[in-house]
């Protein structure tokens, strides 16, 4: 076998480099030719595309515009980033020994004192209501003695009182029908508030027998 000398190796390397240069130059020439042909044909293609676009119906044009816009938007949208993995639950990390334990409290004294205060408030409210009712009866705004032919509705109209207040009292007149069975000789004592509404009405049915209707904060009446 013949040995390859150093000079032959250098010559072969130079030949290989020349071949590479030739191939690169050839590629550059091909690319330049392609670019030139593209430039030449661009005008022709644009005219052909315009001609085809004009031949399309208006509906098809609108559809192509919408589809192209949607595609551009989808391409521009960023891809969803991976959400960070959730760490361990804090409740599981916290030592269970540090949890607060419920402490039993003796509320006997508190409940008894609260009940006592509620009873005192109820008693005071009842006393105040009784006092206000007594004042309203002692100083009534209207005092009327029932005569033959009188009815409660005619009495209320005569004194310009609210008929809905009368109907509300009739709903709670209770046993004895003190309002439905009104008779001549009975006496009506009525008090009104600042708005002209009936706040209290007492119907006497004898010397010592009477029925009282008191207005409640919600507008209803309670019999006493």
N, C-alpha and C. Protein backbone atom coordinates (compact mmCIF):
# COMPACT_ATOMS: atom_id res chain seq x y z
N UNK A 1 0.85 -1.20 0.00
CA UNK A 1 0.00 0.00 0.00
C UNK A 1 0.88 1.24 0.00
N UNK A 2 0.47 2.20 -0.77
CA UNK A 2 1.24 3.45 -0.88
C UNK A 2 0.91 4.35 0.28
N UNK A 3 1.91 4.99 0.80
CA UNK A 3 1.71 5.91 1.92
C UNK A 3 1.37 7.30 1.38
N UNK A 4 0.46 8.03 2.09
CA UNK A 4 0.04 9.39 1.72
C UNK A 4 0.99 10.36 2.40
N UNK A 5 1.60 11.16 1.58
CA UNK A 5 2.55 12.13 2.12
C UNK A 5 1.82 13.34 2.67
N UNK A 6 2.62 14.16 3.38
CA UNK A 6 2.03 15.38 3.97
C UNK A 6 1.56 16.34 2.90
N UNK A 7 2.29 16.41 1.79
CA UNK A 7 1.87 17.32 0.73
C UNK A 7 0.57 16.92 0.11
N UNK A 8 0.37 15.61 -0.05
CA UNK A 8 -0.89 15.14 -0.61
C UNK A 8 -2.08 15.44 0.33
N UNK A 9 -1.83 15.31 1.63
CA UNK A 9 -2.90 15.62 2.59
C UNK A 9 -3.31 17.09 2.49
N UNK A 10 -2.31 17.97 2.39
CA UNK A 10 -2.60 19.40 2.29
C UNK A 10 -3.36 19.69 1.00
N UNK A 11 -2.95 19.04 -0.08
CA UNK A 11 -3.63 19.27 -1.36
C UNK A 11 -5.07 18.79 -1.31
N UNK A 12 -5.31 17.66 -0.67
CA UNK A 12 -6.69 17.14 -0.57
C UNK A 12 -7.57 18.06 0.27
N UNK A 13 -6.99 18.61 1.33
CA UNK A 13 -7.75 19.55 2.18
C UNK A 13 -8.13 20.79 1.41
N UNK A 14 -7.19 21.29 0.57
CA UNK A 14 -7.48 22.49 -0.22
C UNK A 14 -8.59 22.20 -1.22
N UNK A 15 -8.54 21.02 -1.84
CA UNK A 15 -9.58 20.66 -2.79
C UNK A 15 -10.96 20.59 -2.10
N UNK A 16 -10.96 20.03 -0.88
CA UNK A 16 -12.24 19.95 -0.15
C UNK A 16 -12.79 21.33 0.17
N UNK A 17 -11.89 22.26 0.55
CA UNK A 17 -12.33 23.63 0.84
C UNK A 17 -12.88 24.30 -0.40
N UNK A 18 -12.22 24.05 -1.54
CA UNK A 18 -12.70 24.65 -2.78
C UNK A 18 -14.10 24.11 -3.13
N UNK A 19 -14.28 22.79 -2.90
CA UNK A 19 -15.61 22.22 -3.15
C UNK A 19 -16.68 22.84 -2.27
N UNK A 20 -16.31 23.06 -0.99
CA UNK A 20 -17.27 23.70 -0.09
C UNK A 20 -17.59 25.11 -0.54
N UNK A 21 -16.59 25.84 -0.97
CA UNK A 21 -16.82 27.20 -1.46
C UNK A 21 -17.71 27.17 -2.68
N UNK A 22 -17.45 26.21 -3.55
CA UNK A 22 -18.27 26.13 -4.76
C UNK A 22 -19.72 25.82 -4.41
N UNK A 23 -19.92 24.91 -3.48
CA UNK A 23 -21.30 24.56 -3.09
C UNK A 23 -22.00 25.75 -2.44
N UNK A 24 -21.30 26.49 -1.58
CA UNK A 24 -21.89 27.66 -0.94
C UNK A 24 -22.24 28.71 -1.97
N UNK A 25 -21.36 28.94 -2.90
CA UNK A 25 -21.63 29.95 -3.93
C UNK A 25 -22.81 29.52 -4.79
N UNK A 26 -22.84 28.22 -5.08
CA UNK A 26 -23.97 27.73 -5.86
C UNK A 26 -25.29 27.94 -5.11
N UNK A 27 -25.31 27.66 -3.79
CA UNK A 27 -26.52 27.88 -2.98
C UNK A 27 -26.92 29.34 -2.97
N UNK A 28 -25.96 30.22 -2.81
CA UNK A 28 -26.26 31.65 -2.81
C UNK A 28 -26.84 32.07 -4.15
N UNK A 29 -26.30 31.50 -5.25
CA UNK A 29 -26.84 31.83 -6.56
C UNK A 29 -28.26 31.36 -6.72
N UNK A 30 -28.52 30.15 -6.25
CA UNK A 30 -29.88 29.60 -6.35
C UNK A 30 -30.86 30.46 -5.55
N UNK A 31 -30.46 30.85 -4.31
CA UNK A 31 -31.33 31.68 -3.47
C UNK A 31 -31.60 33.03 -4.12
N UNK A 32 -30.56 33.62 -4.70
CA UNK A 32 -30.75 34.92 -5.36
C UNK A 32 -31.69 34.81 -6.54
N UNK A 33 -31.56 33.70 -7.30
CA UNK A 33 -32.46 33.49 -8.42
C UNK A 33 -33.90 33.32 -7.96
N UNK A 34 -34.08 32.58 -6.84
CA UNK A 34 -35.42 32.39 -6.30
C UNK A 34 -36.03 33.71 -5.85
N UNK A 35 -35.22 34.53 -5.19
CA UNK A 35 -35.73 35.83 -4.73
C UNK A 35 -36.11 36.71 -5.90
N UNK A 36 -35.30 36.68 -6.93
CA UNK A 36 -35.62 37.51 -8.09
C UNK A 36 -36.91 37.05 -8.76
N UNK A 37 -37.05 35.73 -8.88
CA UNK A 37 -38.28 35.21 -9.48
C UNK A 37 -39.50 35.54 -8.61
N UNK A 38 -39.31 35.47 -7.29
CA UNK A 38 -40.42 35.83 -6.40
C UNK A 38 -40.81 37.29 -6.56
N UNK A 39 -39.81 38.18 -6.64
CA UNK A 39 -40.09 39.59 -6.83
C UNK A 39 -40.83 39.84 -8.13
N UNK A 40 -40.39 39.12 -9.17
CA UNK A 40 -41.04 39.32 -10.45
C UNK A 40 -42.49 38.83 -10.43
N UNK A 41 -42.68 37.70 -9.75
CA UNK A 41 -44.02 37.10 -9.76
C UNK A 41 -44.95 37.68 -8.71
N UNK A 42 -44.42 38.44 -7.75
CA UNK A 42 -45.27 39.00 -6.70
C UNK A 42 -46.35 39.89 -7.27
N UNK A 43 -45.96 40.75 -8.19
CA UNK A 43 -46.93 41.64 -8.80
C UNK A 43 -48.01 40.86 -9.54
N UNK A 44 -47.57 39.82 -10.25
CA UNK A 44 -48.53 39.00 -11.00
C UNK A 44 -49.47 38.28 -10.04
N UNK A 45 -48.89 37.71 -8.97
CA UNK A 45 -49.72 36.99 -8.01
C UNK A 45 -50.70 37.93 -7.30
N UNK A 46 -50.22 39.11 -6.95
CA UNK A 46 -51.11 40.06 -6.27
C UNK A 46 -52.29 40.45 -7.15
N UNK A 47 -52.00 40.64 -8.45
CA UNK A 47 -53.10 40.97 -9.37
C UNK A 47 -54.08 39.80 -9.48
N UNK A 48 -53.53 38.58 -9.54
CA UNK A 48 -54.41 37.42 -9.62
C UNK A 48 -55.25 37.26 -8.35
N UNK A 49 -54.62 37.50 -7.18
CA UNK A 49 -55.37 37.40 -5.93
C UNK A 49 -56.46 38.46 -5.85
N UNK A 50 -56.13 39.69 -6.26
CA UNK A 50 -57.15 40.73 -6.27
C UNK A 50 -58.31 40.37 -7.18
N UNK A 51 -57.97 39.79 -8.33
CA UNK A 51 -59.02 39.40 -9.27
C UNK A 51 -59.91 38.30 -8.66
N UNK A 52 -59.24 37.32 -8.02
CA UNK A 52 -60.02 36.26 -7.37
C UNK A 52 -60.86 36.80 -6.22
N UNK A 53 -60.30 37.73 -5.42
CA UNK A 53 -61.03 38.32 -4.29
C UNK A 53 -62.27 39.08 -4.75
N UNK A 54 -62.12 39.79 -5.85
CA UNK A 54 -63.26 40.55 -6.36
C UNK A 54 -64.35 39.63 -6.92
N UNK A 55 -63.94 38.46 -7.39
CA UNK A 55 -64.93 37.52 -7.93
C UNK A 55 -65.72 36.80 -6.84
N UNK A 56 -65.15 36.78 -5.61
CA UNK A 56 -65.86 36.11 -4.51
C UNK A 56 -67.09 36.91 -4.09
N UNK A 57 -68.18 36.22 -3.67
CA UNK A 57 -69.35 36.94 -3.13
C UNK A 57 -68.98 37.67 -1.84
N UNK A 58 -69.80 38.67 -1.50
CA UNK A 58 -69.52 39.48 -0.31
C UNK A 58 -69.58 38.65 0.96
N UNK A 59 -70.48 37.66 1.02
CA UNK A 59 -70.58 36.83 2.22
C UNK A 59 -69.31 36.02 2.42
N UNK A 60 -68.77 35.50 1.33
CA UNK A 60 -67.54 34.71 1.43
C UNK A 60 -66.37 35.59 1.87
N UNK A 61 -66.34 36.82 1.37
CA UNK A 61 -65.26 37.73 1.79
C UNK A 61 -65.33 37.99 3.30
N UNK A 62 -66.56 38.27 3.77
CA UNK A 62 -66.73 38.55 5.20
C UNK A 62 -66.32 37.35 6.04
N UNK A 63 -66.68 36.14 5.57
CA UNK A 63 -66.31 34.94 6.32
C UNK A 63 -64.81 34.73 6.38
N UNK A 64 -64.11 34.98 5.24
CA UNK A 64 -62.66 34.84 5.23
C UNK A 64 -61.99 35.86 6.14
N UNK A 65 -62.53 37.09 6.17
CA UNK A 65 -61.96 38.12 7.05
C UNK A 65 -62.09 37.71 8.51
N UNK A 66 -63.27 37.20 8.87
CA UNK A 66 -63.51 36.80 10.27
C UNK A 66 -62.60 35.64 10.65
N UNK A 67 -62.49 34.65 9.76
CA UNK A 67 -61.65 33.48 10.06
C UNK A 67 -60.19 33.88 10.21
N UNK A 68 -59.71 34.74 9.32
CA UNK A 68 -58.31 35.18 9.43
C UNK A 68 -58.07 35.96 10.70
N UNK A 69 -59.05 36.80 11.11
CA UNK A 69 -58.89 37.56 12.36
C UNK A 69 -58.84 36.63 13.56
N UNK A 70 -59.69 35.61 13.55
CA UNK A 70 -59.70 34.64 14.66
C UNK A 70 -58.37 33.89 14.73
N UNK A 71 -57.84 33.50 13.58
CA UNK A 71 -56.57 32.79 13.57
C UNK A 71 -55.44 33.67 14.10
N UNK A 72 -55.44 34.95 13.72
CA UNK A 72 -54.39 35.86 14.21
C UNK A 72 -54.48 36.00 15.72
N UNK A 73 -55.73 36.13 16.24
CA UNK A 73 -55.90 36.28 17.69
C UNK A 73 -55.43 35.03 18.43
N UNK A 74 -55.77 33.85 17.86
CA UNK A 74 -55.34 32.61 18.51
C UNK A 74 -53.83 32.46 18.50
N UNK A 75 -53.19 32.93 17.45
CA UNK A 75 -51.73 32.85 17.41
C UNK A 75 -51.07 33.81 18.39
N UNK A 76 -51.72 34.97 18.60
CA UNK A 76 -51.13 35.96 19.50
C UNK A 76 -51.38 35.65 20.97
N UNK A 77 -52.41 34.84 21.25
CA UNK A 77 -52.70 34.55 22.66
C UNK A 77 -51.57 33.75 23.28
N UNK A 78 -51.15 34.12 24.50
CA UNK A 78 -50.07 33.36 25.17
C UNK A 78 -50.60 32.03 25.65
N UNK A 79 -49.72 31.07 25.63
CA UNK A 79 -50.08 29.76 26.15
C UNK A 79 -50.21 29.81 27.65
N UNK A 80 -51.15 29.03 28.19
CA UNK A 80 -51.37 29.02 29.63
C UNK A 80 -50.17 28.50 30.38
N UNK A 81 -49.73 29.26 31.33
CA UNK A 81 -48.59 28.84 32.13
C UNK A 81 -49.02 27.80 33.16
N UNK A 82 -48.09 26.93 33.44
CA UNK A 82 -48.40 25.90 34.43
C UNK A 82 -48.56 26.53 35.79
N UNK A 83 -49.67 26.22 36.41
CA UNK A 83 -49.93 26.76 37.73
C UNK A 83 -48.98 26.11 38.73
N UNK A 84 -48.50 26.91 39.67
CA UNK A 84 -47.61 26.33 40.67
C UNK A 84 -48.33 25.31 41.51
N UNK A 85 -47.60 24.28 41.82
CA UNK A 85 -48.20 23.24 42.63
C UNK A 85 -48.53 23.77 44.01
N UNK A 86 -49.71 23.43 44.47
CA UNK A 86 -50.14 23.92 45.77
C UNK A 86 -49.35 23.22 46.86
N UNK A 87 -48.92 24.00 47.80
CA UNK A 87 -48.14 23.45 48.90
C UNK A 87 -49.00 22.69 49.86
N UNK A 88 -48.44 22.15 50.86
CA UNK A 88 -49.21 21.38 51.84
C UNK A 88 -50.14 22.29 52.60
N UNK A 89 -51.27 21.75 52.97
CA UNK A 89 -52.26 22.50 53.72
C UNK A 89 -51.69 22.94 55.06
N UNK A 90 -51.92 24.23 55.36
CA UNK A 90 -51.37 24.76 56.61
C UNK A 90 -51.97 24.06 57.82
N UNK A 91 -53.25 23.66 57.68
CA UNK A 91 -53.89 23.01 58.82
C UNK A 91 -53.24 21.68 59.15
N UNK A 92 -52.71 20.99 58.10
CA UNK A 92 -52.05 19.72 58.36
C UNK A 92 -50.64 19.92 58.89
N UNK A 93 -50.01 21.10 58.57
CA UNK A 93 -48.65 21.35 59.03
C UNK A 93 -48.64 21.75 60.49
N UNK A 94 -49.66 22.52 60.91
CA UNK A 94 -49.69 23.01 62.29
C UNK A 94 -49.78 21.84 63.24
N UNK A 95 -49.04 21.90 64.27
CA UNK A 95 -49.04 20.83 65.26
C UNK A 95 -50.38 20.77 65.95
N UNK A 96 -50.91 19.56 66.04
CA UNK A 96 -52.23 19.42 66.66
C UNK A 96 -52.19 19.72 68.15
N UNK A 97 -51.01 19.65 68.73
CA UNK A 97 -50.93 19.92 70.16
C UNK A 97 -51.18 21.38 70.49
N UNK A 98 -50.99 22.28 69.45
CA UNK A 98 -51.19 23.71 69.69
C UNK A 98 -52.63 24.15 69.48
N UNK A 99 -53.52 23.22 69.09
CA UNK A 99 -54.90 23.60 68.87
C UNK A 99 -55.54 23.96 70.21
N UNK A 100 -56.46 24.95 70.11
CA UNK A 100 -57.14 25.39 71.33
C UNK A 100 -58.22 24.40 71.70
N UNK A 101 -58.27 24.07 72.94
CA UNK A 101 -59.27 23.15 73.43
C UNK A 101 -60.40 23.95 74.06
N UNK A 102 -61.65 23.52 73.85
CA UNK A 102 -62.78 24.23 74.47
C UNK A 102 -62.73 24.13 75.98
N UNK A 103 -63.03 25.23 76.63
CA UNK A 103 -63.01 25.30 78.09
C UNK A 103 -64.43 25.48 78.57
N UNK A 104 -64.86 24.63 79.44
CA UNK A 104 -66.21 24.72 79.98
C UNK A 104 -66.29 25.86 80.98
N UNK A 105 -67.32 26.68 80.85
CA UNK A 105 -67.51 27.82 81.74
C UNK A 105 -68.83 27.65 82.47
N UNK A 106 -68.81 28.08 83.69
CA UNK A 106 -70.01 28.02 84.51
C UNK A 106 -70.81 29.29 84.28
N UNK A 107 -71.90 29.19 83.52
CA UNK A 107 -72.73 30.35 83.19
C UNK A 107 -74.00 30.41 84.04
N UNK A 108 -74.00 29.66 85.15
CA UNK A 108 -75.23 29.61 85.95
C UNK A 108 -75.55 30.98 86.52
N UNK A 109 -74.53 31.61 87.09
CA UNK A 109 -74.77 32.93 87.68
C UNK A 109 -75.15 33.96 86.65
N UNK A 110 -74.48 33.89 85.49
CA UNK A 110 -74.78 34.86 84.43
C UNK A 110 -76.20 34.70 83.92
N UNK A 111 -76.61 33.42 83.67
CA UNK A 111 -77.96 33.20 83.15
C UNK A 111 -79.01 33.66 84.15
N UNK A 112 -78.77 33.38 85.46
CA UNK A 112 -79.74 33.81 86.46
C UNK A 112 -79.84 35.33 86.52
N UNK A 113 -78.68 36.02 86.46
CA UNK A 113 -78.72 37.48 86.49
C UNK A 113 -79.38 38.04 85.25
N UNK A 114 -79.14 37.38 84.08
CA UNK A 114 -79.78 37.85 82.85
C UNK A 114 -81.28 37.69 82.91
N UNK A 115 -81.73 36.53 83.42
CA UNK A 115 -83.17 36.31 83.55
C UNK A 115 -83.78 37.31 84.51
N UNK A 116 -83.07 37.60 85.59
CA UNK A 116 -83.58 38.57 86.56
C UNK A 116 -83.72 39.94 85.93
N UNK A 117 -82.68 40.34 85.12
CA UNK A 117 -82.75 41.64 84.46
C UNK A 117 -83.90 41.69 83.47
N UNK A 118 -84.14 40.56 82.73
CA UNK A 118 -85.23 40.55 81.78
C UNK A 118 -86.58 40.69 82.49
N UNK A 119 -86.71 40.01 83.63
CA UNK A 119 -87.96 40.12 84.39
C UNK A 119 -88.18 41.54 84.86
N UNK A 120 -87.08 42.20 85.33
CA UNK A 120 -87.20 43.58 85.78
C UNK A 120 -87.61 44.50 84.65
N UNK A 121 -86.99 44.30 83.46
CA UNK A 121 -87.34 45.14 82.32
C UNK A 121 -88.79 44.94 81.93
N UNK A 122 -89.27 43.67 81.93
CA UNK A 122 -90.65 43.39 81.56
C UNK A 122 -91.61 44.03 82.55
N UNK A 123 -91.28 43.93 83.83
CA UNK A 123 -92.15 44.54 84.83
C UNK A 123 -92.18 46.04 84.68
N UNK A 124 -91.02 46.65 84.41
CA UNK A 124 -90.99 48.11 84.26
C UNK A 124 -91.77 48.54 83.03
N UNK A 125 -91.63 47.77 81.91
CA UNK A 125 -92.39 48.10 80.71
C UNK A 125 -93.88 47.99 80.95
N UNK A 126 -94.28 46.94 81.67
CA UNK A 126 -95.71 46.77 81.95
C UNK A 126 -96.25 47.91 82.79
N UNK A 127 -95.46 48.34 83.81
CA UNK A 127 -95.90 49.45 84.65
C UNK A 127 -96.02 50.73 83.83
N UNK A 128 -95.04 50.97 82.92
CA UNK A 128 -95.10 52.18 82.10
C UNK A 128 -96.31 52.16 81.17
N UNK A 129 -96.61 50.98 80.59
CA UNK A 129 -97.76 50.89 79.72
C UNK A 129 -99.06 51.13 80.47
N UNK A 130 -99.16 50.55 81.67
CA UNK A 130 -100.37 50.76 82.47
C UNK A 130 -100.52 52.22 82.83
N UNK A 131 -99.41 52.88 83.21
CA UNK A 131 -99.50 54.29 83.56
C UNK A 131 -99.92 55.13 82.36
N UNK A 132 -99.35 54.85 81.20
CA UNK A 132 -99.73 55.62 80.01
C UNK A 132 -101.19 55.40 79.64
N UNK A 133 -101.66 54.15 79.80
CA UNK A 133 -103.06 53.88 79.51
C UNK A 133 -103.97 54.61 80.48
N UNK A 134 -103.60 54.62 81.75
CA UNK A 134 -104.42 55.33 82.73
C UNK A 134 -104.47 56.82 82.43
N UNK A 135 -103.32 57.39 82.04
CA UNK A 135 -103.29 58.82 81.69
C UNK A 135 -104.17 59.08 80.49
N UNK A 136 -104.11 58.17 79.46
CA UNK A 136 -104.91 58.36 78.26
C UNK A 136 -106.40 58.26 78.56
N UNK A 137 -106.78 57.36 79.49
CA UNK A 137 -108.20 57.23 79.83
C UNK A 137 -108.66 58.39 80.70
N UNK A 138 -107.79 58.84 81.63
CA UNK A 138 -108.17 59.96 82.48
C UNK A 138 -108.30 61.25 81.67
N UNK A 139 -107.48 61.36 80.60
CA UNK A 139 -107.53 62.56 79.76
C UNK A 139 -107.80 62.16 78.30
N UNK A 140 -108.96 61.63 77.99
CA UNK A 140 -109.24 61.18 76.62
C UNK A 140 -109.40 62.37 75.68
N UNK A 141 -109.07 62.14 74.44
CA UNK A 141 -109.29 63.16 73.43
C UNK A 141 -110.75 63.22 73.01
N UNK A 142 -111.42 62.06 73.04
CA UNK A 142 -112.82 61.99 72.63
C UNK A 142 -113.58 61.15 73.66
N UNK A 143 -114.72 61.66 74.09
CA UNK A 143 -115.62 60.94 75.00
C UNK A 143 -117.00 60.96 74.37
N UNK A 144 -117.52 59.78 74.09
CA UNK A 144 -118.81 59.70 73.37
C UNK A 144 -119.72 58.71 74.08
N UNK A 145 -120.97 59.13 74.30
CA UNK A 145 -121.99 58.25 74.88
C UNK A 145 -122.87 57.73 73.75
N UNK A 146 -122.97 56.41 73.66
CA UNK A 146 -123.69 55.77 72.56
C UNK A 146 -125.19 56.06 72.72
N UNK A 147 -125.79 56.46 71.56
CA UNK A 147 -127.22 56.74 71.51
C UNK A 147 -127.91 55.76 70.57
N UNK A 148 -129.25 55.83 70.57
CA UNK A 148 -130.00 54.96 69.67
C UNK A 148 -129.63 55.28 68.22
N UNK A 149 -129.39 54.22 67.44
CA UNK A 149 -129.04 54.40 66.03
C UNK A 149 -127.55 54.58 65.77
N UNK A 150 -126.76 54.72 66.84
CA UNK A 150 -125.31 54.87 66.66
C UNK A 150 -124.68 53.52 66.32
N UNK A 151 -123.70 53.59 65.46
CA UNK A 151 -122.83 52.44 65.19
C UNK A 151 -121.38 52.91 65.35
N UNK A 152 -120.50 51.96 65.53
CA UNK A 152 -119.10 52.34 65.70
C UNK A 152 -118.56 53.06 64.46
N UNK A 153 -118.94 52.58 63.28
CA UNK A 153 -118.46 53.23 62.06
C UNK A 153 -118.98 54.67 61.96
N UNK A 154 -120.27 54.89 62.33
CA UNK A 154 -120.80 56.26 62.27
C UNK A 154 -120.13 57.15 63.32
N UNK A 155 -119.81 56.58 64.49
CA UNK A 155 -119.13 57.35 65.53
C UNK A 155 -117.73 57.74 65.06
N UNK A 156 -117.01 56.80 64.45
CA UNK A 156 -115.66 57.09 63.95
C UNK A 156 -115.69 58.14 62.85
N UNK A 157 -116.72 58.06 61.96
CA UNK A 157 -116.80 59.06 60.89
C UNK A 157 -117.13 60.43 61.47
N UNK A 158 -117.98 60.45 62.49
CA UNK A 158 -118.38 61.73 63.08
C UNK A 158 -117.19 62.44 63.70
N UNK A 159 -116.26 61.68 64.27
CA UNK A 159 -115.09 62.28 64.92
C UNK A 159 -113.84 62.21 64.04
N UNK A 160 -114.03 61.91 62.74
CA UNK A 160 -112.92 61.89 61.77
C UNK A 160 -111.79 60.95 62.21
N UNK A 161 -112.20 59.76 62.66
CA UNK A 161 -111.23 58.75 63.07
C UNK A 161 -111.04 57.72 61.95
N UNK A 162 -109.94 56.98 62.01
CA UNK A 162 -109.58 56.03 60.96
C UNK A 162 -110.41 54.76 61.09
N UNK A 163 -111.13 54.42 60.01
CA UNK A 163 -111.90 53.17 60.02
C UNK A 163 -111.00 51.93 60.04
N UNK A 164 -109.82 51.93 59.37
CA UNK A 164 -108.95 50.75 59.51
C UNK A 164 -108.55 50.46 60.95
N UNK A 165 -108.43 51.51 61.79
CA UNK A 165 -108.15 51.27 63.21
C UNK A 165 -109.31 50.54 63.87
N UNK A 166 -110.54 50.92 63.49
CA UNK A 166 -111.72 50.24 64.04
C UNK A 166 -111.74 48.78 63.61
N UNK A 167 -111.47 48.51 62.33
CA UNK A 167 -111.48 47.13 61.86
C UNK A 167 -110.39 46.30 62.55
N UNK A 168 -109.23 46.92 62.84
CA UNK A 168 -108.15 46.21 63.53
C UNK A 168 -108.56 45.84 64.95
N UNK A 169 -109.33 46.71 65.61
CA UNK A 169 -109.79 46.41 66.97
C UNK A 169 -110.88 45.35 66.96
N UNK A 170 -111.72 45.36 65.92
CA UNK A 170 -112.78 44.34 65.85
C UNK A 170 -112.19 42.95 65.70
N UNK A 171 -111.04 42.84 65.04
CA UNK A 171 -110.40 41.54 64.86
C UNK A 171 -109.99 40.92 66.19
N UNK A 172 -109.70 41.74 67.20
CA UNK A 172 -109.22 41.22 68.48
C UNK A 172 -110.21 41.52 69.61
N UNK A 173 -111.51 41.72 69.25
CA UNK A 173 -112.46 42.08 70.31
C UNK A 173 -112.68 40.94 71.30
N UNK A 174 -112.46 39.69 70.87
CA UNK A 174 -112.51 38.56 71.80
C UNK A 174 -113.90 38.22 72.27
N UNK A 175 -113.94 37.56 73.43
CA UNK A 175 -115.21 37.08 73.95
C UNK A 175 -116.07 38.26 74.41
N UNK A 176 -117.38 38.04 74.38
CA UNK A 176 -118.31 39.08 74.78
C UNK A 176 -118.70 40.01 73.65
N UNK A 177 -117.88 40.04 72.55
CA UNK A 177 -118.19 40.90 71.41
C UNK A 177 -118.49 42.33 71.86
N UNK A 178 -117.51 42.92 72.56
CA UNK A 178 -117.73 44.25 73.12
C UNK A 178 -117.95 45.30 72.05
N UNK A 179 -117.43 45.10 70.84
CA UNK A 179 -117.58 46.08 69.77
C UNK A 179 -118.74 45.74 68.84
N UNK A 180 -118.94 44.46 68.58
CA UNK A 180 -120.01 44.08 67.66
C UNK A 180 -121.39 44.25 68.28
N UNK A 181 -121.47 44.17 69.62
CA UNK A 181 -122.76 44.26 70.31
C UNK A 181 -122.85 45.54 71.14
N UNK A 182 -122.44 46.63 70.57
CA UNK A 182 -122.50 47.90 71.30
C UNK A 182 -123.95 48.33 71.48
N UNK A 183 -124.25 48.91 72.65
CA UNK A 183 -125.63 49.25 73.01
C UNK A 183 -125.70 50.69 73.48
N UNK A 184 -126.89 51.29 73.35
CA UNK A 184 -127.06 52.66 73.85
C UNK A 184 -126.77 52.74 75.34
N UNK A 185 -126.19 53.83 75.74
CA UNK A 185 -125.83 54.04 77.13
C UNK A 185 -124.38 53.75 77.42
N UNK A 186 -123.74 52.97 76.58
CA UNK A 186 -122.32 52.71 76.79
C UNK A 186 -121.51 53.95 76.46
N UNK A 187 -120.32 53.99 77.01
CA UNK A 187 -119.46 55.17 76.85
C UNK A 187 -118.15 54.75 76.17
N UNK A 188 -117.70 55.57 75.20
CA UNK A 188 -116.45 55.34 74.49
C UNK A 188 -115.46 56.42 74.87
N UNK A 189 -114.29 56.02 75.30
CA UNK A 189 -113.20 56.93 75.60
C UNK A 189 -112.06 56.62 74.63
N UNK A 190 -111.68 57.62 73.83
CA UNK A 190 -110.66 57.40 72.79
C UNK A 190 -109.54 58.42 72.94
N UNK A 191 -108.32 57.96 72.72
CA UNK A 191 -107.14 58.82 72.68
C UNK A 191 -106.45 58.61 71.34
N UNK A 192 -105.86 59.68 70.80
CA UNK A 192 -105.19 59.62 69.50
C UNK A 192 -103.75 60.09 69.66
N UNK A 193 -102.93 59.67 68.71
CA UNK A 193 -101.52 60.09 68.71
C UNK A 193 -101.35 61.34 67.84
N UNK A 194 -100.12 61.73 67.65
CA UNK A 194 -99.84 62.95 66.88
C UNK A 194 -100.27 62.85 65.42
N UNK A 195 -100.36 61.63 64.89
CA UNK A 195 -100.77 61.43 63.50
C UNK A 195 -102.27 61.28 63.34
N UNK A 196 -103.01 61.44 64.42
CA UNK A 196 -104.46 61.32 64.36
C UNK A 196 -104.97 59.90 64.40
N UNK A 197 -104.12 58.93 64.67
CA UNK A 197 -104.54 57.55 64.75
C UNK A 197 -104.98 57.22 66.17
N UNK A 198 -105.89 56.26 66.27
CA UNK A 198 -106.39 55.85 67.59
C UNK A 198 -105.28 55.09 68.30
N UNK A 199 -104.89 55.58 69.46
CA UNK A 199 -103.87 54.89 70.26
C UNK A 199 -104.49 54.06 71.38
N UNK A 200 -105.70 54.42 71.82
CA UNK A 200 -106.36 53.67 72.88
C UNK A 200 -107.86 53.93 72.80
N UNK A 201 -108.65 52.87 73.03
CA UNK A 201 -110.11 53.01 73.11
C UNK A 201 -110.62 52.12 74.22
N UNK A 202 -111.43 52.71 75.10
CA UNK A 202 -112.04 51.96 76.20
C UNK A 202 -113.55 52.02 76.05
N UNK A 203 -114.17 50.86 76.12
CA UNK A 203 -115.63 50.74 76.01
C UNK A 203 -116.16 50.30 77.36
N UNK A 204 -116.99 51.14 78.00
CA UNK A 204 -117.58 50.79 79.28
C UNK A 204 -118.92 50.12 79.03
N UNK A 205 -119.11 48.99 79.72
CA UNK A 205 -120.36 48.25 79.56
C UNK A 205 -121.19 48.26 80.84
N UNK A 206 -120.73 48.99 81.81
CA UNK A 206 -121.44 49.08 83.08
C UNK A 206 -120.70 50.03 83.99
N UNK A 207 -121.03 49.98 85.27
CA UNK A 207 -120.38 50.88 86.21
C UNK A 207 -118.91 50.52 86.39
N UNK A 208 -118.60 49.22 86.50
CA UNK A 208 -117.22 48.79 86.74
C UNK A 208 -116.64 47.93 85.62
N UNK A 209 -117.44 47.56 84.63
CA UNK A 209 -116.99 46.67 83.57
C UNK A 209 -116.59 47.48 82.34
N UNK A 210 -115.39 47.20 81.83
CA UNK A 210 -114.91 47.92 80.64
C UNK A 210 -113.91 47.03 79.89
N UNK A 211 -113.75 47.34 78.61
CA UNK A 211 -112.81 46.65 77.73
C UNK A 211 -111.93 47.71 77.08
N UNK A 212 -110.60 47.47 77.10
CA UNK A 212 -109.65 48.46 76.57
C UNK A 212 -108.87 47.83 75.42
N UNK A 213 -108.70 48.62 74.35
CA UNK A 213 -107.90 48.22 73.19
C UNK A 213 -106.73 49.21 73.05
N UNK A 214 -105.51 48.65 73.03
CA UNK A 214 -104.30 49.47 73.02
C UNK A 214 -103.56 49.23 71.70
N UNK A 215 -103.11 50.31 71.10
CA UNK A 215 -102.37 50.21 69.84
C UNK A 215 -100.95 49.71 70.10
N UNK A 216 -100.46 48.80 69.25
CA UNK A 216 -99.11 48.25 69.34
C UNK A 216 -98.18 48.98 68.36
N UNK A 217 -96.86 48.85 68.57
CA UNK A 217 -95.92 49.55 67.66
C UNK A 217 -96.07 49.17 66.20
N UNK A 218 -96.53 47.93 65.91
CA UNK A 218 -96.67 47.51 64.51
C UNK A 218 -97.98 47.94 63.89
N UNK A 219 -98.81 48.70 64.62
CA UNK A 219 -100.07 49.19 64.07
C UNK A 219 -101.27 48.34 64.43
N UNK A 220 -101.04 47.15 65.00
CA UNK A 220 -102.16 46.30 65.42
C UNK A 220 -102.64 46.74 66.81
N UNK A 221 -103.69 46.05 67.30
CA UNK A 221 -104.25 46.38 68.61
C UNK A 221 -104.28 45.14 69.48
N UNK A 222 -104.21 45.41 70.79
CA UNK A 222 -104.26 44.33 71.78
C UNK A 222 -105.35 44.65 72.79
N UNK A 223 -106.16 43.62 73.10
CA UNK A 223 -107.26 43.82 74.07
C UNK A 223 -106.77 43.63 75.47
N UNK A 224 -107.27 44.49 76.36
CA UNK A 224 -106.97 44.36 77.80
C UNK A 224 -108.24 44.38 78.61
